[in-house]
Amino acid sequence: MSAGRGRGLSAEDRDAFQQDGVVCLRNVLTSGEIEKLRAGVAQQMERLGRSKTGYDFEAFGKQVWDPVRPVETGTANRFDMQAMKEIIQADPAACPLLEEDASDSEGLFFYDVAAWKTDPGVRMVAFDSALPGIAAELLDARYLNFWEDTTFVKAPHTRQKTAFHQDLAYFQIEGEQCVIVWIPLDAADDGTGVMQYIRGSHRWGETFAPNAFVSRTSFPSSPHPKCPDIEGNLAAYDIVSFQVKPGDVIIHHVMTVHGAGGNRSDLWRRAMSFRYCGDDVRYFDRPGALKQAGGAAGLRDGDRLFSKDYPVVWPKPWPGFRLSPVYDARQIGWDLERARYT
């Protein structure tokens, strides 16, 4: 499927998204836009161990399954990882989700968020690339808010899988018009740990509790049921994945169940995801959802996402308008190091 820069989506693209809950689009981002995202990811990774929001889930997975090994996350404090370890260890059904790999490499499953708030290049791609228009067309949205970005990097020979999950219950929102754009910054396939999606799962009519990625164990603070055991019953599900290269994107509905394998290859698998919300989405401080880094200032349940934290990125006020150069986070008052709004 293809949706080149400046072209509208095809009927096939729209049908795939509606029926499957996921669509792969080719050649959407330019090489310059990919380089901006790579630079943003490099800066995040350089701060691993010193930032408040960056984690290595490969290391955390090893800490979880070792009963005497302490949880060590450097200065990162967005999550209570010690409490998460105790929750997983108390789950009798919990087990490691690891790829078979003969390598003795330590691996790295890097996670971070909110690069757009400090990195102008990431903000430019999130606000002013072809992505907002594509997301709005898929959602048939009158307007579009940018919700957040997340970085996922799996180094060569990273055994840790990403547990199958559904995104909605991680977010403080309610509504149907939300998509996640998965952006590969390296060529990716099943060997490197590309995303895997359950076709049609966005139409199951069920919201599933979040999990900690390294285990199927759900957050006990969530009122929603646990995601089905897909890892243990792969043949029972219609799973699709896509071989992608930089410039391609994979877009899935917020209700689509998905996961990923480890990286069994000698290559890096860097990726960033953007989340966009349409006009039917409202703020909802959902029990068990992840608190955002510096987000949701002043919003109450039922409010539209009209906030400096969730800028309207589509439609543009006139053709050719670029939002990112005039959106100065320094004047908005974010204190990302404290992971809160000041």
Protein backbone atom coordinates (compact mmCIF):
# COMPACT_ATOMS: atom_id res chain seq x y z
CA MET A 1 0.00 0.00 0.00
CA SER A 2 1.26 3.48 -0.63
CA ALA A 3 0.51 7.03 0.33
CA GLY A 4 3.34 9.13 -0.98
CA ARG A 5 3.99 12.60 0.36
CA GLY A 6 1.38 15.07 -0.87
CA ARG A 7 -1.01 12.39 -2.18
CA GLY A 8 -4.29 11.36 -0.62
CA LEU A 9 -4.91 7.92 0.78
CA SER A 10 -6.21 5.27 -1.59
CA ALA A 11 -9.52 3.50 -1.08
CA GLU A 12 -7.48 0.37 -0.33
CA ASP A 13 -5.61 2.18 2.45
CA ARG A 14 -8.80 3.42 4.06
CA ASP A 15 -10.48 0.02 3.77
CA ALA A 16 -7.49 -1.74 5.36
CA PHE A 17 -7.55 0.63 8.30
CA GLN A 18 -11.30 0.27 8.77
CA GLN A 19 -11.36 -3.52 8.46
CA ASP A 20 -8.01 -4.55 9.96
CA GLY A 21 -7.35 -1.68 12.38
CA VAL A 22 -3.89 -1.21 10.86
CA VAL A 23 -2.42 -0.03 7.57
CA CYS A 24 1.14 0.20 6.27
CA LEU A 25 1.90 3.25 4.10
CA ARG A 26 5.04 3.54 1.98
CA ASN A 27 7.30 6.55 1.40
CA VAL A 28 5.40 8.93 3.66
CA LEU A 29 8.35 10.67 5.35
CA THR A 30 11.37 12.21 3.65
CA SER A 31 14.98 11.26 4.41
CA GLY A 32 15.41 14.66 6.07
CA GLU A 33 12.47 14.03 8.37
CA ILE A 34 13.83 10.60 9.31
CA GLU A 35 17.21 12.17 10.15
CA LYS A 36 15.51 14.65 12.48
CA LEU A 37 13.86 11.77 14.34
CA ARG A 38 17.11 9.81 14.51
CA ALA A 39 18.84 12.84 16.01
CA GLY A 40 16.09 13.18 18.61
CA VAL A 41 16.36 9.50 19.55
CA ALA A 42 20.15 9.77 19.82
CA GLN A 43 19.80 12.63 22.29
CA GLN A 44 17.31 10.65 24.37
CA MET A 45 19.55 7.58 24.44
CA GLU A 46 22.57 9.67 25.42
CA ARG A 47 20.66 10.68 28.56
CA LEU A 48 19.76 7.11 29.58
CA GLY A 49 20.50 6.77 33.28
CA ARG A 50 20.32 10.54 33.77
CA SER A 51 16.83 11.43 32.53
CA LYS A 52 13.54 11.12 34.39
CA THR A 53 11.71 9.32 31.59
CA GLY A 54 14.19 6.96 29.87
CA TYR A 55 14.26 3.23 30.68
CA ASP A 56 15.93 0.02 29.54
CA PHE A 57 13.20 -2.64 29.60
CA GLU A 58 15.70 -5.37 28.70
CA ALA A 59 17.55 -4.68 31.95
CA PHE A 60 14.29 -4.33 33.85
CA GLY A 61 13.13 -7.72 32.57
CA LYS A 62 16.26 -9.34 33.99
CA GLN A 63 15.68 -7.57 37.31
CA VAL A 64 12.09 -8.79 37.41
CA TRP A 65 12.91 -12.47 37.05
CA ASP A 66 15.87 -12.41 39.47
CA PRO A 67 14.32 -12.44 42.97
CA VAL A 68 17.41 -10.94 44.62
CA ARG A 69 18.49 -8.50 41.93
CA PRO A 70 17.51 -4.91 42.84
CA VAL A 71 15.60 -2.71 40.44
CA GLU A 72 17.95 -0.03 39.15
CA THR A 73 16.69 2.65 36.75
CA GLY A 74 19.18 5.48 37.30
CA THR A 75 17.35 8.77 37.78
CA ALA A 76 14.24 7.66 35.86
CA ASN A 77 11.18 8.00 38.09
CA ARG A 78 8.16 8.13 35.81
CA PHE A 79 7.24 4.59 36.89
CA ASP A 80 7.57 2.78 40.23
CA MET A 81 9.54 -0.12 38.78
CA GLN A 82 10.04 -1.82 42.15
CA ALA A 83 6.29 -1.96 42.64
CA MET A 84 5.91 -3.21 39.08
CA LYS A 85 8.40 -6.02 39.78
CA GLU A 86 6.45 -7.04 42.87
CA ILE A 87 3.18 -7.07 40.90
CA ILE A 88 4.69 -9.30 38.21
CA GLN A 89 6.29 -11.66 40.73
CA ALA A 90 2.93 -12.01 42.52
CA ASP A 91 1.23 -13.08 39.27
CA PRO A 92 1.23 -16.90 39.12
CA ALA A 93 0.74 -16.78 35.34
CA ALA A 94 3.69 -14.45 34.71
CA CYS A 95 6.65 -15.75 32.75
CA PRO A 96 9.54 -14.19 30.79
CA LEU A 97 8.79 -13.19 27.20
CA LEU A 98 12.16 -13.79 25.59
CA GLU A 99 13.44 -14.73 22.16
CA GLU A 100 15.79 -17.68 21.76
CA ASP A 101 19.20 -16.20 20.93
CA ALA A 102 22.62 -17.82 21.25
CA SER A 103 24.36 -14.44 21.58
CA ASP A 104 25.74 -13.44 24.97
CA SER A 105 25.00 -9.78 24.22
CA GLU A 106 23.35 -7.79 27.01
CA GLY A 107 20.85 -6.25 24.61
CA LEU A 108 18.93 -2.99 25.13
CA PHE A 109 15.21 -2.23 24.97
CA PHE A 110 15.18 1.55 25.26
CA TYR A 111 11.99 3.47 26.05
CA ASP A 112 11.44 7.20 26.39
CA VAL A 113 8.70 9.77 25.80
CA ALA A 114 7.93 13.40 25.00
CA ALA A 115 10.88 14.24 22.75
CA TRP A 116 8.64 16.78 20.98
CA LYS A 117 8.66 19.02 24.04
CA THR A 118 12.40 19.62 23.89
CA ASP A 119 13.49 18.68 20.36
CA PRO A 120 12.54 21.03 17.48
CA GLY A 121 13.23 18.36 14.85
CA VAL A 122 10.86 15.84 16.39
CA ARG A 123 8.27 18.59 16.84
CA MET A 124 8.58 19.53 13.16
CA VAL A 125 7.88 15.97 11.98
CA ALA A 126 5.00 15.54 14.46
CA PHE A 127 3.35 18.84 13.53
CA ASP A 128 4.33 19.68 9.96
CA SER A 129 5.02 16.47 8.03
CA ALA A 130 2.41 14.60 5.99
CA LEU A 131 1.39 12.61 9.09
CA PRO A 132 -1.29 14.87 10.62
CA GLY A 133 -3.20 15.09 7.33
CA ILE A 134 -3.02 11.32 6.83
CA ALA A 135 -4.17 10.62 10.39
CA ALA A 136 -7.05 13.07 10.06
CA GLU A 137 -8.16 11.42 6.82
CA LEU A 138 -8.06 7.93 8.32
CA LEU A 139 -10.10 9.09 11.30
CA ASP A 140 -12.43 11.31 9.29
CA ALA A 141 -11.64 13.96 11.90
CA ARG A 142 -12.62 17.64 11.73
CA TYR A 143 -9.50 18.53 13.71
CA LEU A 144 -6.55 16.68 15.22
CA ASN A 145 -4.64 17.04 18.50
CA PHE A 146 -1.13 15.69 18.97
CA TRP A 147 -1.08 13.54 22.12
CA GLU A 148 2.50 12.32 22.63
CA ASP A 149 5.52 10.63 21.10
CA THR A 150 7.25 7.51 22.39
CA THR A 151 10.62 6.04 21.46
CA PHE A 152 11.29 2.29 21.27
CA VAL A 153 14.79 1.01 20.45
CA LYS A 154 15.89 -2.62 20.42
CA ALA A 155 19.63 -3.12 20.07
CA PRO A 156 21.06 -6.16 18.26
CA HIS A 157 20.36 -9.41 20.11
CA THR A 158 17.80 -7.97 22.47
CA ARG A 159 15.81 -10.97 23.64
CA GLN A 160 12.99 -9.09 25.33
CA LYS A 161 9.70 -9.23 23.46
CA THR A 162 6.99 -6.59 23.77
CA ALA A 163 3.91 -8.21 25.30
CA PHE A 164 0.74 -7.95 23.23
CA HIS A 165 -1.37 -5.07 24.48
CA GLN A 166 -3.93 -2.45 23.50
CA ASP A 167 -3.11 1.25 23.80
CA LEU A 168 -6.36 2.88 24.91
CA ALA A 169 -6.11 2.02 28.61
CA TYR A 170 -2.59 3.52 28.78
CA PHE A 171 -3.95 6.96 27.81
CA GLN A 172 -6.05 9.49 29.73
CA ILE A 173 -8.64 9.68 26.96
CA GLU A 174 -11.97 8.28 25.86
CA GLY A 175 -13.25 8.21 22.30
CA GLU A 176 -12.75 6.33 19.04
CA GLN A 177 -10.75 8.80 16.96
CA CYS A 178 -7.19 8.00 17.98
CA VAL A 179 -4.34 6.49 15.97
CA ILE A 180 -0.77 5.53 16.69
CA VAL A 181 1.80 6.05 13.92
CA TRP A 182 4.76 3.66 14.22
CA ILE A 183 7.78 5.13 12.42
CA PRO A 184 10.75 2.85 11.68
CA LEU A 185 14.10 4.64 11.71
CA ASP A 186 15.87 1.49 10.50
CA ALA A 187 14.71 -1.23 8.12
CA ALA A 188 12.62 -3.65 10.18
CA ASP A 189 11.19 -7.14 9.73
CA ASP A 190 10.24 -10.09 11.91
CA GLY A 191 13.91 -10.78 12.66
CA THR A 192 14.55 -7.32 14.08
CA GLY A 193 11.28 -7.12 16.02
CA VAL A 194 8.84 -5.23 13.82
CA MET A 195 5.36 -4.66 15.23
CA GLN A 196 2.75 -7.43 14.99
CA TYR A 197 -0.97 -6.66 14.90
CA ILE A 198 -4.15 -8.70 15.43
CA ARG A 199 -6.33 -7.95 12.42
CA GLY A 200 -9.80 -6.76 13.37
CA SER A 201 -9.08 -6.59 17.11
CA HIS A 202 -10.13 -2.92 17.17
CA ARG A 203 -13.68 -4.22 16.65
CA TRP A 204 -13.67 -6.70 19.55
CA GLY A 205 -15.61 -4.21 21.68
CA GLU A 206 -13.33 -4.70 24.69
CA THR A 207 -10.82 -2.46 26.46
CA PHE A 208 -7.88 -4.32 27.99
CA ALA A 209 -5.78 -3.35 31.00
CA PRO A 210 -2.22 -2.08 30.41
CA ASN A 211 0.76 -4.31 31.04
CA ALA A 212 4.44 -3.61 31.68
CA PHE A 213 5.64 -4.85 28.23
CA VAL A 214 8.01 -7.45 29.77
CA SER A 215 5.10 -9.58 31.03
CA ARG A 216 1.41 -10.12 30.31
CA THR A 217 0.69 -9.12 33.93
CA SER A 218 -1.85 -6.30 33.90
CA PHE A 219 -1.82 -3.23 36.12
CA PRO A 220 -4.00 -4.00 39.16
CA SER A 221 -5.06 -0.33 39.27
CA SER A 222 -6.88 -0.77 35.95
CA PRO A 223 -10.55 -1.82 36.05
CA HIS A 224 -10.26 -3.47 32.63
CA PRO A 225 -9.72 -7.20 32.00
CA LYS A 226 -6.35 -8.67 31.10
CA CYS A 227 -5.41 -8.93 27.44
CA PRO A 228 -5.85 -12.48 26.09
CA ASP A 229 -2.85 -14.81 26.09
CA ILE A 230 -1.89 -14.22 22.48
CA GLU A 231 1.76 -15.25 22.95
CA GLY A 232 0.61 -18.69 24.09
CA ASN A 233 -1.94 -19.11 21.28
CA LEU A 234 -0.43 -17.44 18.21
CA ALA A 235 -2.13 -19.78 15.75
CA ALA A 236 -5.56 -18.76 17.05
CA TYR A 237 -5.16 -15.14 15.92
CA ASP A 238 -4.93 -13.40 12.56
CA ILE A 239 -1.55 -11.73 13.06
CA VAL A 240 -0.07 -9.41 10.46
CA SER A 241 3.32 -7.70 10.29
CA PHE A 242 5.03 -5.59 7.65
CA GLN A 243 8.56 -5.42 6.36
CA VAL A 244 9.32 -1.71 6.41
CA LYS A 245 12.13 0.72 5.70
CA PRO A 246 12.74 4.32 6.82
CA GLY A 247 10.13 6.57 5.24
CA ASP A 248 7.37 3.98 5.64
CA VAL A 249 4.89 4.17 8.52
CA ILE A 250 2.46 1.75 10.14
CA ILE A 251 -0.73 3.29 11.53
CA HIS A 252 -3.02 1.43 13.91
CA HIS A 253 -6.23 2.24 15.73
CA VAL A 254 -5.99 2.84 19.47
CA MET A 255 -8.05 -0.33 20.08
CA THR A 256 -5.92 -2.61 17.88
CA VAL A 257 -4.05 -5.27 19.88
CA HIS A 258 -0.35 -5.48 19.01
CA GLY A 259 3.06 -6.59 20.26
CA ALA A 260 6.56 -7.25 18.97
CA GLY A 261 9.29 -9.83 19.05
CA GLY A 262 12.83 -9.29 20.26
CA ASN A 263 15.64 -8.30 17.95
CA ARG A 264 17.46 -11.49 16.95
CA SER A 265 19.56 -9.76 14.31
CA ASP A 266 22.92 -7.95 14.22
CA LEU A 267 21.12 -4.71 13.32
CA TRP A 268 19.56 -1.93 15.38
CA ARG A 269 15.80 -1.42 15.39
CA ARG A 270 15.03 2.19 16.24
CA ALA A 271 11.47 3.47 16.06
CA MET A 272 9.34 6.35 17.25
CA SER A 273 5.57 6.46 17.56
CA PHE A 274 3.26 9.48 17.36
CA ARG A 275 -0.26 9.54 18.81
CA TYR A 276 -2.98 11.72 17.27
CA CYS A 277 -6.52 12.29 18.58
CA GLY A 278 -9.57 13.44 16.61
CA ASP A 279 -12.53 15.60 17.57
CA ASP A 280 -14.56 12.90 19.36
CA VAL A 281 -11.78 12.31 21.93
CA ARG A 282 -12.20 13.75 25.42
CA TYR A 283 -9.89 13.86 28.39
CA PHE A 284 -10.52 11.08 30.91
CA ASP A 285 -8.31 10.44 33.93
CA ARG A 286 -8.66 6.71 33.40
CA PRO A 287 -7.75 4.49 36.39
CA GLY A 288 -4.56 2.59 35.64
CA ALA A 289 -3.49 4.86 32.75
CA LEU A 290 0.11 6.07 32.61
CA LYS A 291 0.62 9.57 33.88
CA GLN A 292 2.12 11.67 31.14
CA ALA A 293 5.38 13.55 31.41
CA GLY A 294 4.19 17.12 31.88
CA GLY A 295 0.77 16.66 30.34
CA ALA A 296 -2.91 17.47 30.95
CA ALA A 297 -2.53 20.79 32.76
CA GLY A 298 -5.93 22.04 33.82
CA LEU A 299 -8.01 19.44 31.97
CA ARG A 300 -10.93 17.68 33.61
CA ASP A 301 -12.85 14.58 32.61
CA GLY A 302 -14.98 15.28 29.55
CA ASP A 303 -12.91 18.24 28.34
CA ARG A 304 -11.80 18.49 24.74
CA LEU A 305 -8.03 18.31 24.38
CA PHE A 306 -7.67 22.07 23.95
CA SER A 307 -4.43 22.61 25.82
CA LYS A 308 -0.86 23.64 25.18
CA ASP A 309 0.00 20.04 26.03
CA TYR A 310 -2.09 18.72 23.10
CA PRO A 311 -1.69 21.22 20.24
CA VAL A 312 -4.11 21.22 17.32
CA VAL A 313 -1.92 20.13 14.39
CA TRP A 314 -4.63 19.79 11.71
CA PRO A 315 -6.14 21.53 9.85
CA LYS A 316 -3.60 24.27 9.23
CA PRO A 317 -4.93 27.87 9.16
CA TRP A 318 -3.66 28.28 5.59
CA PRO A 319 -1.80 26.12 3.05
CA GLY A 320 1.90 25.90 3.75
CA PHE A 321 1.61 27.10 7.36
CA ARG A 322 4.20 25.47 9.66
CA LEU A 323 3.27 25.21 13.31
CA SER A 324 6.50 23.88 14.81
CA PRO A 325 8.67 27.01 14.34
CA VAL A 326 6.19 29.17 16.27
CA TYR A 327 5.51 26.64 19.01
CA ASP A 328 8.14 27.51 21.62
CA ALA A 329 8.03 25.03 24.51
CA ARG A 330 10.37 27.21 26.56
CA GLN A 331 7.65 29.84 26.88
CA ILE A 332 4.93 27.35 27.74
CA GLY A 333 6.39 26.31 31.07
CA TRP A 334 7.26 22.62 30.83
CA ASP A 335 9.69 21.21 33.36
CA LEU A 336 10.28 17.83 31.75
CA GLU A 337 13.10 16.92 34.13
CA ARG A 338 10.54 16.91 36.94
CA ALA A 339 8.04 15.24 34.59
CA ARG A 340 5.36 17.77 35.45
CA TYR A 341 3.88 21.02 34.21
CA THR A 342 5.09 24.17 35.99
